Amino acid sequence: MSYDYAPPPRFEDHPSPEKPTGRHPVNIGHLVMGLAFIAFVVVWALIVSDTVTIDSLEDLRWLLPMPWIVGGSVGLLVAMLRRQ
Protein backbone atom coordinates (compact mmCIF):
# COMPACT_ATOMS: atom_id res chain seq x y z
CA MET A 1 0.00 0.00 0.00
CA SER A 2 1.41 3.38 -1.02
CA TYR A 3 0.86 6.70 0.69
CA ASP A 4 2.37 8.89 -2.05
CA TYR A 5 -0.94 10.64 -2.76
CA ALA A 6 -0.82 14.40 -2.29
CA PRO A 7 -4.11 16.30 -2.03
CA PRO A 8 -4.74 18.90 -4.73
CA PRO A 9 -3.57 22.40 -3.88
CA ARG A 10 -6.15 24.62 -2.23
CA PHE A 11 -7.05 28.13 -3.32
CA GLU A 12 -5.66 29.49 -0.08
CA ASP A 13 -2.26 27.92 -0.78
CA HIS A 14 -1.66 29.98 -3.96
CA PRO A 15 -0.06 33.41 -3.55
CA SER A 16 -2.41 36.24 -4.38
CA PRO A 17 -1.60 38.12 -7.59
CA GLU A 18 -0.28 41.63 -7.27
CA LYS A 19 -3.04 44.21 -7.42
CA PRO A 20 -2.46 46.99 -9.92
CA THR A 21 -2.10 50.39 -8.36
CA GLY A 22 -2.71 53.82 -9.74
CA ARG A 23 -5.61 55.84 -10.94
CA HIS A 24 -8.53 54.40 -12.83
CA PRO A 25 -10.22 56.18 -15.74
CA VAL A 26 -13.01 58.62 -14.94
CA ASN A 27 -16.51 57.37 -15.65
CA ILE A 28 -18.01 60.38 -17.40
CA GLY A 29 -21.61 59.34 -16.73
CA HIS A 30 -20.99 59.10 -12.99
CA LEU A 31 -19.19 62.44 -13.04
CA VAL A 32 -22.02 64.23 -14.86
CA MET A 33 -24.76 62.79 -12.64
CA GLY A 34 -22.80 63.55 -9.48
CA LEU A 35 -22.24 67.14 -10.53
CA ALA A 36 -25.90 67.52 -11.50
CA PHE A 37 -26.94 66.18 -8.09
CA ILE A 38 -24.61 68.60 -6.29
CA ALA A 39 -25.88 71.47 -8.43
CA PHE A 40 -29.51 70.57 -7.61
CA VAL A 41 -28.61 70.62 -3.92
CA VAL A 42 -27.04 74.06 -4.38
CA VAL A 43 -30.16 75.32 -6.20
CA TRP A 44 -32.34 73.93 -3.42
CA ALA A 45 -30.13 75.56 -0.76
CA LEU A 46 -30.31 78.92 -2.56
CA ILE A 47 -34.10 78.77 -2.67
CA VAL A 48 -34.52 77.60 0.95
CA SER A 49 -32.11 80.20 2.33
CA ASP A 50 -33.97 82.98 0.44
CA THR A 51 -30.79 83.96 -1.37
CA VAL A 52 -32.83 83.61 -4.56
CA THR A 53 -36.36 84.93 -4.24
CA ILE A 54 -38.97 82.94 -6.14
CA ASP A 55 -42.27 84.75 -6.64
CA SER A 56 -43.75 82.30 -9.13
CA LEU A 57 -42.84 79.05 -10.85
CA GLU A 58 -41.84 81.01 -13.95
CA ASP A 59 -38.92 82.45 -11.98
CA LEU A 60 -37.43 78.95 -11.86
CA ARG A 61 -37.05 78.81 -15.67
CA TRP A 62 -33.46 80.04 -15.52
CA LEU A 63 -32.45 78.25 -12.32
CA LEU A 64 -33.57 74.64 -12.82
CA PRO A 65 -31.65 73.95 -16.08
CA MET A 66 -28.36 75.10 -14.52
CA PRO A 67 -27.41 71.70 -12.98
CA TRP A 68 -27.80 69.98 -16.36
CA ILE A 69 -25.80 72.69 -18.11
CA VAL A 70 -22.99 72.49 -15.54
CA GLY A 71 -22.90 68.69 -15.57
CA GLY A 72 -23.01 68.47 -19.37
CA SER A 73 -20.31 71.10 -19.79
CA VAL A 74 -17.95 69.31 -17.43
CA GLY A 75 -18.76 65.99 -19.10
CA LEU A 76 -17.90 67.40 -22.53
CA LEU A 77 -14.69 68.92 -21.19
CA VAL A 78 -13.59 65.61 -19.65
CA ALA A 79 -14.49 63.71 -22.81
CA MET A 80 -12.40 66.11 -24.91
CA LEU A 81 -9.46 65.94 -22.51
CA ARG A 82 -9.61 62.13 -22.44
CA ARG A 83 -9.11 61.91 -26.23
CA GLN A 84 -5.83 63.83 -26.12
PDB file of N, CA and C in Angstrom:
ATOM      1  N   MET A   1       0.828  -1.159   0.000  1.00  0.00           N
ATOM      2  CA  MET A   1       0.000   0.000   0.000  1.00  0.00           C
ATOM      3  C   MET A   1       0.885   1.238   0.000  1.00  0.00           C
ATOM      4  N   SER A   2       0.580   2.185  -0.866  1.00  0.00           N
ATOM      5  CA  SER A   2       1.408   3.376  -1.023  1.00  0.00           C
ATOM      6  C   SER A   2       0.678   4.605  -0.502  1.00  0.00           C
ATOM      7  N   TYR A   3       1.416   5.471   0.170  1.00  0.00           N
ATOM      8  CA  TYR A   3       0.856   6.703   0.692  1.00  0.00           C
ATOM      9  C   TYR A   3       1.465   7.912  -0.015  1.00  0.00           C
ATOM     10  N   ASP A   4       1.746   7.798  -1.298  1.00  0.00           N
ATOM     11  CA  ASP A   4       2.371   8.888  -2.046  1.00  0.00           C
ATOM     12  C   ASP A   4       1.352   9.897  -2.587  1.00  0.00           C
ATOM     13  N   TYR A   5       0.106   9.747  -2.244  1.00  0.00           N
ATOM     14  CA  TYR A   5      -0.936  10.636  -2.761  1.00  0.00           C
ATOM     15  C   TYR A   5      -0.846  11.990  -2.059  1.00  0.00           C
ATOM     16  N   ALA A   6      -0.813  13.044  -2.840  1.00  0.00           N
ATOM     17  CA  ALA A   6      -0.824  14.399  -2.287  1.00  0.00           C
ATOM     18  C   ALA A   6      -2.171  15.038  -2.648  1.00  0.00           C
ATOM     19  N   PRO A   7      -2.825  15.669  -1.702  1.00  0.00           N
ATOM     20  CA  PRO A   7      -4.109  16.300  -2.026  1.00  0.00           C
ATOM     21  C   PRO A   7      -3.886  17.454  -3.001  1.00  0.00           C
ATOM     22  N   PRO A   8      -4.895  17.788  -3.803  1.00  0.00           N
ATOM     23  CA  PRO A   8      -4.742  18.903  -4.734  1.00  0.00           C
ATOM     24  C   PRO A   8      -4.530  20.215  -3.976  1.00  0.00           C
ATOM     25  N   PRO A   9      -3.813  21.130  -4.571  1.00  0.00           N
ATOM     26  CA  PRO A   9      -3.573  22.402  -3.876  1.00  0.00           C
ATOM     27  C   PRO A   9      -4.876  23.171  -3.668  1.00  0.00           C
ATOM     28  N   ARG A  10      -4.965  23.822  -2.540  1.00  0.00           N
ATOM     29  CA  ARG A  10      -6.151  24.618  -2.228  1.00  0.00           C
ATOM     30  C   ARG A  10      -5.970  26.038  -2.753  1.00  0.00           C
ATOM     31  N   PHE A  11      -7.080  26.741  -2.870  1.00  0.00           N
ATOM     32  CA  PHE A  11      -7.051  28.132  -3.324  1.00  0.00           C
ATOM     33  C   PHE A  11      -6.240  28.998  -2.368  1.00  0.00           C
ATOM     34  N   GLU A  12      -6.355  28.691  -1.087  1.00  0.00           N
ATOM     35  CA  GLU A  12      -5.663  29.491  -0.080  1.00  0.00           C
ATOM     36  C   GLU A  12      -4.153  29.314  -0.136  1.00  0.00           C
ATOM     37  N   ASP A  13      -3.689  28.200  -0.739  1.00  0.00           N
ATOM     38  CA  ASP A  13      -2.257  27.922  -0.782  1.00  0.00           C
ATOM     39  C   ASP A  13      -1.538  28.710  -1.871  1.00  0.00           C
ATOM     40  N   HIS A  14      -2.281  29.229  -2.866  1.00  0.00           N
ATOM     41  CA  HIS A  14      -1.664  29.983  -3.956  1.00  0.00           C
ATOM     42  C   HIS A  14      -1.410  31.420  -3.513  1.00  0.00           C
ATOM     43  N   PRO A  15      -0.290  31.995  -3.895  1.00  0.00           N
ATOM     44  CA  PRO A  15      -0.063  33.413  -3.551  1.00  0.00           C
ATOM     45  C   PRO A  15      -1.031  34.297  -4.339  1.00  0.00           C
ATOM     46  N   SER A  16      -1.467  35.338  -3.699  1.00  0.00           N
ATOM     47  CA  SER A  16      -2.411  36.238  -4.377  1.00  0.00           C
ATOM     48  C   SER A  16      -1.661  37.072  -5.417  1.00  0.00           C
ATOM     49  N   PRO A  17      -2.273  37.313  -6.563  1.00  0.00           N
ATOM     50  CA  PRO A  17      -1.603  38.119  -7.588  1.00  0.00           C
ATOM     51  C   PRO A  17      -1.487  39.565  -7.126  1.00  0.00           C
ATOM     52  N   GLU A  18      -0.483  40.230  -7.619  1.00  0.00           N
ATOM     53  CA  GLU A  18      -0.277  41.628  -7.268  1.00  0.00           C
ATOM     54  C   GLU A  18      -1.422  42.467  -7.822  1.00  0.00           C
ATOM     55  N   LYS A  19      -1.954  43.321  -6.982  1.00  0.00           N
ATOM     56  CA  LYS A  19      -3.038  44.206  -7.420  1.00  0.00           C
ATOM     57  C   LYS A  19      -2.427  45.417  -8.104  1.00  0.00           C
ATOM     58  N   PRO A  20      -2.993  45.799  -9.255  1.00  0.00           N
ATOM     59  CA  PRO A  20      -2.460  46.989  -9.920  1.00  0.00           C
ATOM     60  C   PRO A  20      -2.793  48.235  -9.096  1.00  0.00           C
ATOM     61  N   THR A  21      -1.886  49.150  -9.084  1.00  0.00           N
ATOM     62  CA  THR A  21      -2.101  50.392  -8.356  1.00  0.00           C
ATOM     63  C   THR A  21      -2.172  51.533  -9.359  1.00  0.00           C
ATOM     64  N   GLY A  22      -2.623  52.648  -8.887  1.00  0.00           N
ATOM     65  CA  GLY A  22      -2.707  53.820  -9.742  1.00  0.00           C
ATOM     66  C   GLY A  22      -4.135  54.288  -9.886  1.00  0.00           C
ATOM     67  N   ARG A  23      -4.302  55.245 -10.741  1.00  0.00           N
ATOM     68  CA  ARG A  23      -5.615  55.842 -10.943  1.00  0.00           C
ATOM     69  C   ARG A  23      -6.389  55.075 -11.994  1.00  0.00           C
ATOM     70  N   HIS A  24      -7.675  55.037 -11.833  1.00  0.00           N
ATOM     71  CA  HIS A  24      -8.529  54.401 -12.830  1.00  0.00           C
ATOM     72  C   HIS A  24      -9.165  55.492 -13.690  1.00  0.00           C
ATOM     73  N   PRO A  25      -9.632  55.159 -14.880  1.00  0.00           N
ATOM     74  CA  PRO A  25     -10.220  56.184 -15.740  1.00  0.00           C
ATOM     75  C   PRO A  25     -11.524  56.720 -15.148  1.00  0.00           C
ATOM     76  N   VAL A  26     -11.808  57.964 -15.446  1.00  0.00           N
ATOM     77  CA  VAL A  26     -13.006  58.616 -14.944  1.00  0.00           C
ATOM     78  C   VAL A  26     -14.215  58.108 -15.719  1.00  0.00           C
ATOM     79  N   ASN A  27     -15.261  57.730 -15.008  1.00  0.00           N
ATOM     80  CA  ASN A  27     -16.512  57.369 -15.653  1.00  0.00           C
ATOM     81  C   ASN A  27     -17.293  58.659 -15.859  1.00  0.00           C
ATOM     82  N   ILE A  28     -17.430  59.076 -17.097  1.00  0.00           N
ATOM     83  CA  ILE A  28     -18.010  60.384 -17.395  1.00  0.00           C
ATOM     84  C   ILE A  28     -19.473  60.435 -16.975  1.00  0.00           C
ATOM     85  N   GLY A  29     -20.202  59.351 -17.135  1.00  0.00           N
ATOM     86  CA  GLY A  29     -21.612  59.341 -16.730  1.00  0.00           C
ATOM     87  C   GLY A  29     -21.776  59.562 -15.234  1.00  0.00           C
ATOM     88  N   HIS A  30     -20.935  58.910 -14.442  1.00  0.00           N
ATOM     89  CA  HIS A  30     -20.992  59.100 -12.993  1.00  0.00           C
ATOM     90  C   HIS A  30     -20.609  60.528 -12.625  1.00  0.00           C
ATOM     91  N   LEU A  31     -19.621  61.066 -13.307  1.00  0.00           N
ATOM     92  CA  LEU A  31     -19.188  62.435 -13.038  1.00  0.00           C
ATOM     93  C   LEU A  31     -20.309  63.429 -13.317  1.00  0.00           C
ATOM     94  N   VAL A  32     -20.951  63.293 -14.470  1.00  0.00           N
ATOM     95  CA  VAL A  32     -22.016  64.229 -14.857  1.00  0.00           C
ATOM     96  C   VAL A  32     -23.190  64.133 -13.883  1.00  0.00           C
ATOM     97  N   MET A  33     -23.615  62.931 -13.549  1.00  0.00           N
ATOM     98  CA  MET A  33     -24.761  62.794 -12.643  1.00  0.00           C
ATOM     99  C   MET A  33     -24.422  63.270 -11.229  1.00  0.00           C
ATOM    100  N   GLY A  34     -23.198  63.050 -10.787  1.00  0.00           N
ATOM    101  CA  GLY A  34     -22.795  63.555  -9.476  1.00  0.00           C
ATOM    102  C   GLY A  34     -22.776  65.070  -9.435  1.00  0.00           C
ATOM    103  N   LEU A  35     -22.247  65.679 -10.480  1.00  0.00           N
ATOM    104  CA  LEU A  35     -22.239  67.135 -10.531  1.00  0.00           C
ATOM    105  C   LEU A  35     -23.648  67.706 -10.639  1.00  0.00           C
ATOM    106  N   ALA A  36     -24.515  67.053 -11.404  1.00  0.00           N
ATOM    107  CA  ALA A  36     -25.902  67.516 -11.504  1.00  0.00           C
ATOM    108  C   ALA A  36     -26.590  67.412 -10.142  1.00  0.00           C
ATOM    109  N   PHE A  37     -26.347  66.327  -9.421  1.00  0.00           N
ATOM    110  CA  PHE A  37     -26.943  66.181  -8.092  1.00  0.00           C
ATOM    111  C   PHE A  37     -26.453  67.282  -7.153  1.00  0.00           C
ATOM    112  N   ILE A  38     -25.160  67.540  -7.152  1.00  0.00           N
ATOM    113  CA  ILE A  38     -24.612  68.600  -6.294  1.00  0.00           C
ATOM    114  C   ILE A  38     -25.189  69.952  -6.684  1.00  0.00           C
ATOM    115  N   ALA A  39     -25.326  70.194  -7.988  1.00  0.00           N
ATOM    116  CA  ALA A  39     -25.882  71.474  -8.432  1.00  0.00           C
ATOM    117  C   ALA A  39     -27.353  71.606  -8.033  1.00  0.00           C
ATOM    118  N   PHE A  40     -28.117  70.511  -8.072  1.00  0.00           N
ATOM    119  CA  PHE A  40     -29.506  70.571  -7.609  1.00  0.00           C
ATOM    120  C   PHE A  40     -29.571  70.872  -6.116  1.00  0.00           C
ATOM    121  N   VAL A  41     -28.651  70.324  -5.354  1.00  0.00           N
ATOM    122  CA  VAL A  41     -28.605  70.620  -3.916  1.00  0.00           C
ATOM    123  C   VAL A  41     -28.274  72.097  -3.702  1.00  0.00           C
ATOM    124  N   VAL A  42     -27.381  72.635  -4.493  1.00  0.00           N
ATOM    125  CA  VAL A  42     -27.039  74.065  -4.382  1.00  0.00           C
ATOM    126  C   VAL A  42     -28.247  74.930  -4.745  1.00  0.00           C
ATOM    127  N   VAL A  43     -28.953  74.573  -5.813  1.00  0.00           N
ATOM    128  CA  VAL A  43     -30.161  75.322  -6.201  1.00  0.00           C
ATOM    129  C   VAL A  43     -31.185  75.261  -5.080  1.00  0.00           C
ATOM    130  N   TRP A  44     -31.393  74.073  -4.523  1.00  0.00           N
ATOM    131  CA  TRP A  44     -32.339  73.932  -3.416  1.00  0.00           C
ATOM    132  C   TRP A  44     -31.916  74.792  -2.221  1.00  0.00           C
ATOM    133  N   ALA A  45     -30.621  74.775  -1.896  1.00  0.00           N
ATOM    134  CA  ALA A  45     -30.127  75.564  -0.764  1.00  0.00           C
ATOM    135  C   ALA A  45     -30.309  77.059  -1.013  1.00  0.00           C
ATOM    136  N   LEU A  46     -30.104  77.496  -2.247  1.00  0.00           N
ATOM    137  CA  LEU A  46     -30.310  78.916  -2.561  1.00  0.00           C
ATOM    138  C   LEU A  46     -31.768  79.320  -2.389  1.00  0.00           C
ATOM    139  N   ILE A  47     -32.674  78.452  -2.785  1.00  0.00           N
ATOM    140  CA  ILE A  47     -34.098  78.769  -2.666  1.00  0.00           C
ATOM    141  C   ILE A  47     -34.535  78.738  -1.203  1.00  0.00           C
ATOM    142  N   VAL A  48     -34.104  77.737  -0.448  1.00  0.00           N
ATOM    143  CA  VAL A  48     -34.516  77.604   0.949  1.00  0.00           C
ATOM    144  C   VAL A  48     -33.946  78.720   1.805  1.00  0.00           C
ATOM    145  N   SER A  49     -32.728  79.146   1.520  1.00  0.00           N
ATOM    146  CA  SER A  49     -32.107  80.201   2.325  1.00  0.00           C
ATOM    147  C   SER A  49     -32.544  81.602   1.909  1.00  0.00           C
ATOM    148  N   ASP A  50     -33.458  81.699   0.961  1.00  0.00           N
ATOM    149  CA  ASP A  50     -33.971  82.979   0.445  1.00  0.00           C
ATOM    150  C   ASP A  50     -32.883  83.843  -0.172  1.00  0.00           C
ATOM    151  N   THR A  51     -31.804  83.228  -0.609  1.00  0.00           N
ATOM    152  CA  THR A  51     -30.793  83.957  -1.373  1.00  0.00           C
ATOM    153  C   THR A  51     -31.360  84.313  -2.733  1.00  0.00           C
ATOM    154  N   VAL A  52     -32.124  83.391  -3.300  1.00  0.00           N
ATOM    155  CA  VAL A  52     -32.828  83.613  -4.559  1.00  0.00           C
ATOM    156  C   VAL A  52     -34.306  83.662  -4.220  1.00  0.00           C
ATOM    157  N   THR A  53     -34.950  84.772  -4.542  1.00  0.00           N
ATOM    158  CA  THR A  53     -36.364  84.930  -4.242  1.00  0.00           C
ATOM    159  C   THR A  53     -37.189  84.418  -5.412  1.00  0.00           C
ATOM    160  N   ILE A  54     -38.104  83.515  -5.124  1.00  0.00           N
ATOM    161  CA  ILE A  54     -38.968  82.936  -6.141  1.00  0.00           C
ATOM    162  C   ILE A  54     -40.387  83.419  -5.878  1.00  0.00           C
ATOM    163  N   ASP A  55     -40.904  84.265  -6.784  1.00  0.00           N
ATOM    164  CA  ASP A  55     -42.274  84.754  -6.639  1.00  0.00           C
ATOM    165  C   ASP A  55     -43.274  83.830  -7.330  1.00  0.00           C
ATOM    166  N   SER A  56     -42.862  83.227  -8.421  1.00  0.00           N
ATOM    167  CA  SER A  56     -43.751  82.303  -9.128  1.00  0.00           C
ATOM    168  C   SER A  56     -42.898  81.185  -9.734  1.00  0.00           C
ATOM    169  N   LEU A  57     -43.561  80.168 -10.249  1.00  0.00           N
ATOM    170  CA  LEU A  57     -42.838  79.054 -10.851  1.00  0.00           C
ATOM    171  C   LEU A  57     -42.093  79.481 -12.112  1.00  0.00           C
ATOM    172  N   GLU A  58     -42.533  80.552 -12.749  1.00  0.00           N
ATOM    173  CA  GLU A  58     -41.841  81.012 -13.949  1.00  0.00           C
ATOM    174  C   GLU A  58     -40.464  81.584 -13.626  1.00  0.00           C
ATOM    175  N   ASP A  59     -40.242  81.959 -12.378  1.00  0.00           N
ATOM    176  CA  ASP A  59     -38.917  82.447 -11.981  1.00  0.00           C
ATOM    177  C   ASP A  59     -37.886  81.324 -11.946  1.00  0.00           C
ATOM    178  N   LEU A  60     -38.345  80.083 -11.898  1.00  0.00           N
ATOM    179  CA  LEU A  60     -37.427  78.947 -11.865  1.00  0.00           C
ATOM    180  C   LEU A  60     -36.927  78.556 -13.251  1.00  0.00           C
ATOM    181  N   ARG A  61     -37.434  79.195 -14.304  1.00  0.00           N
ATOM    182  CA  ARG A  61     -37.046  78.807 -15.667  1.00  0.00           C
ATOM    183  C   ARG A  61     -35.548  78.926 -15.896  1.00  0.00           C
ATOM    184  N   TRP A  62     -34.898  79.859 -15.295  1.00  0.00           N
ATOM    185  CA  TRP A  62     -33.459  80.042 -15.521  1.00  0.00           C
ATOM    186  C   TRP A  62     -32.623  79.261 -14.517  1.00  0.00           C
ATOM    187  N   LEU A  63     -33.223  78.885 -13.378  1.00  0.00           N
ATOM    188  CA  LEU A  63     -32.445  78.255 -12.319  1.00  0.00           C
ATOM    189  C   LEU A  63     -32.419  76.724 -12.415  1.00  0.00           C
ATOM    190  N   LEU A  64     -33.514  76.099 -12.800  1.00  0.00           N
ATOM    191  CA  LEU A  64     -33.567  74.638 -12.818  1.00  0.00           C
ATOM    192  C   LEU A  64     -32.724  73.984 -13.916  1.00  0.00           C
ATOM    193  N   PRO A  65     -32.533  74.590 -15.091  1.00  0.00           N
ATOM    194  CA  PRO A  65     -31.646  73.947 -16.080  1.00  0.00           C
ATOM    195  C   PRO A  65     -30.158  74.052 -15.761  1.00  0.00           C
ATOM    196  N   MET A  66     -29.777  74.883 -14.813  1.00  0.00           N
ATOM    197  CA  MET A  66     -28.360  75.096 -14.516  1.00  0.00           C
ATOM    198  C   MET A  66     -27.610  73.815 -14.135  1.00  0.00           C
ATOM    199  N   PRO A  67     -28.168  72.927 -13.296  1.00  0.00           N
ATOM    200  CA  PRO A  67     -27.414  71.700 -12.981  1.00  0.00           C
ATOM    201  C   PRO A  67     -27.101  70.861 -14.209  1.00  0.00           C
ATOM    202  N   TRP A  68     -28.040  70.772 -15.144  1.00  0.00           N
ATOM    203  CA  TRP A  68     -27.800  69.981 -16.356  1.00  0.00           C
ATOM    204  C   TRP A  68     -26.771  70.648 -17.249  1.00  0.00           C
ATOM    205  N   ILE A  69     -26.782  71.962 -17.297  1.00  0.00           N
ATOM    206  CA  ILE A  69     -25.804  72.686 -18.113  1.00  0.00           C
ATOM    207  C   ILE A  69     -24.402  72.522 -17.517  1.00  0.00           C
ATOM    208  N   VAL A  70     -24.297  72.646 -16.200  1.00  0.00           N
ATOM    209  CA  VAL A  70     -22.992  72.494 -15.544  1.00  0.00           C
ATOM    210  C   VAL A  70     -22.473  71.065 -15.719  1.00  0.00           C
ATOM    211  N   GLY A  71     -23.331  70.084 -15.450  1.00  0.00           N
ATOM    212  CA  GLY A  71     -22.898  68.689 -15.570  1.00  0.00           C
ATOM    213  C   GLY A  71     -22.519  68.323 -16.996  1.00  0.00           C
ATOM    214  N   GLY A  72     -23.318  68.757 -17.969  1.00  0.00           N
ATOM    215  CA  GLY A  72     -23.014  68.469 -19.371  1.00  0.00           C
ATOM    216  C   GLY A  72     -21.744  69.148 -19.841  1.00  0.00           C
ATOM    217  N   SER A  73     -21.527  70.372 -19.396  1.00  0.00           N
ATOM    218  CA  SER A  73     -20.312  71.097 -19.792  1.00  0.00           C
ATOM    219  C   SER A  73     -19.061  70.405 -19.260  1.00  0.00           C
ATOM    220  N   VAL A  74     -19.107  70.004 -18.002  1.00  0.00           N
ATOM    221  CA  VAL A  74     -17.952  69.313 -17.427  1.00  0.00           C
ATOM    222  C   VAL A  74     -17.759  67.953 -18.107  1.00  0.00           C
ATOM    223  N   GLY A  75     -18.858  67.268 -18.407  1.00  0.00           N
ATOM    224  CA  GLY A  75     -18.757  65.992 -19.105  1.00  0.00           C
ATOM    225  C   GLY A  75     -18.121  66.133 -20.477  1.00  0.00           C
ATOM    226  N   LEU A  76     -18.516  67.163 -21.228  1.00  0.00           N
ATOM    227  CA  LEU A  76     -17.902  67.403 -22.533  1.00  0.00           C
ATOM    228  C   LEU A  76     -16.424  67.744 -22.402  1.00  0.00           C
ATOM    229  N   LEU A  77     -16.087  68.547 -21.410  1.00  0.00           N
ATOM    230  CA  LEU A  77     -14.691  68.918 -21.194  1.00  0.00           C
ATOM    231  C   LEU A  77     -13.842  67.685 -20.873  1.00  0.00           C
ATOM    232  N   VAL A  78     -14.344  66.818 -20.000  1.00  0.00           N
ATOM    233  CA  VAL A  78     -13.594  65.612 -19.648  1.00  0.00           C
ATOM    234  C   VAL A  78     -13.473  64.680 -20.846  1.00  0.00           C
ATOM    235  N   ALA A  79     -14.540  64.568 -21.630  1.00  0.00           N
ATOM    236  CA  ALA A  79     -14.488  63.710 -22.810  1.00  0.00           C
ATOM    237  C   ALA A  79     -13.469  64.220 -23.830  1.00  0.00           C
ATOM    238  N   MET A  80     -13.387  65.536 -23.980  1.00  0.00           N
ATOM    239  CA  MET A  80     -12.403  66.108 -24.908  1.00  0.00           C
ATOM    240  C   MET A  80     -10.980  65.928 -24.395  1.00  0.00           C
ATOM    241  N   LEU A  81     -10.782  66.088 -23.088  1.00  0.00           N
ATOM    242  CA  LEU A  81      -9.459  65.935 -22.507  1.00  0.00           C
ATOM    243  C   LEU A  81      -9.004  64.479 -22.534  1.00  0.00           C
ATOM    244  N   ARG A  82      -9.945  63.547 -22.447  1.00  0.00           N
ATOM    245  CA  ARG A  82      -9.611  62.132 -22.441  1.00  0.00           C
ATOM    246  C   ARG A  82      -9.076  61.701 -23.809  1.00  0.00           C
ATOM    247  N   ARG A  83      -9.546  62.285 -24.897  1.00  0.00           N
ATOM    248  CA  ARG A  83      -9.112  61.915 -26.228  1.00  0.00           C
ATOM    249  C   ARG A  83      -7.667  62.313 -26.511  1.00  0.00           C
ATOM    250  N   GLN A  84      -7.188  63.330 -25.836  1.00  0.00           N
ATOM    251  CA  GLN A  84      -5.832  63.833 -26.120  1.00  0.00           C
ATOM    252  C   GLN A  84      -4.776  62.976 -25.484  1.00  0.00           C
TER     253      GLN A  84
END
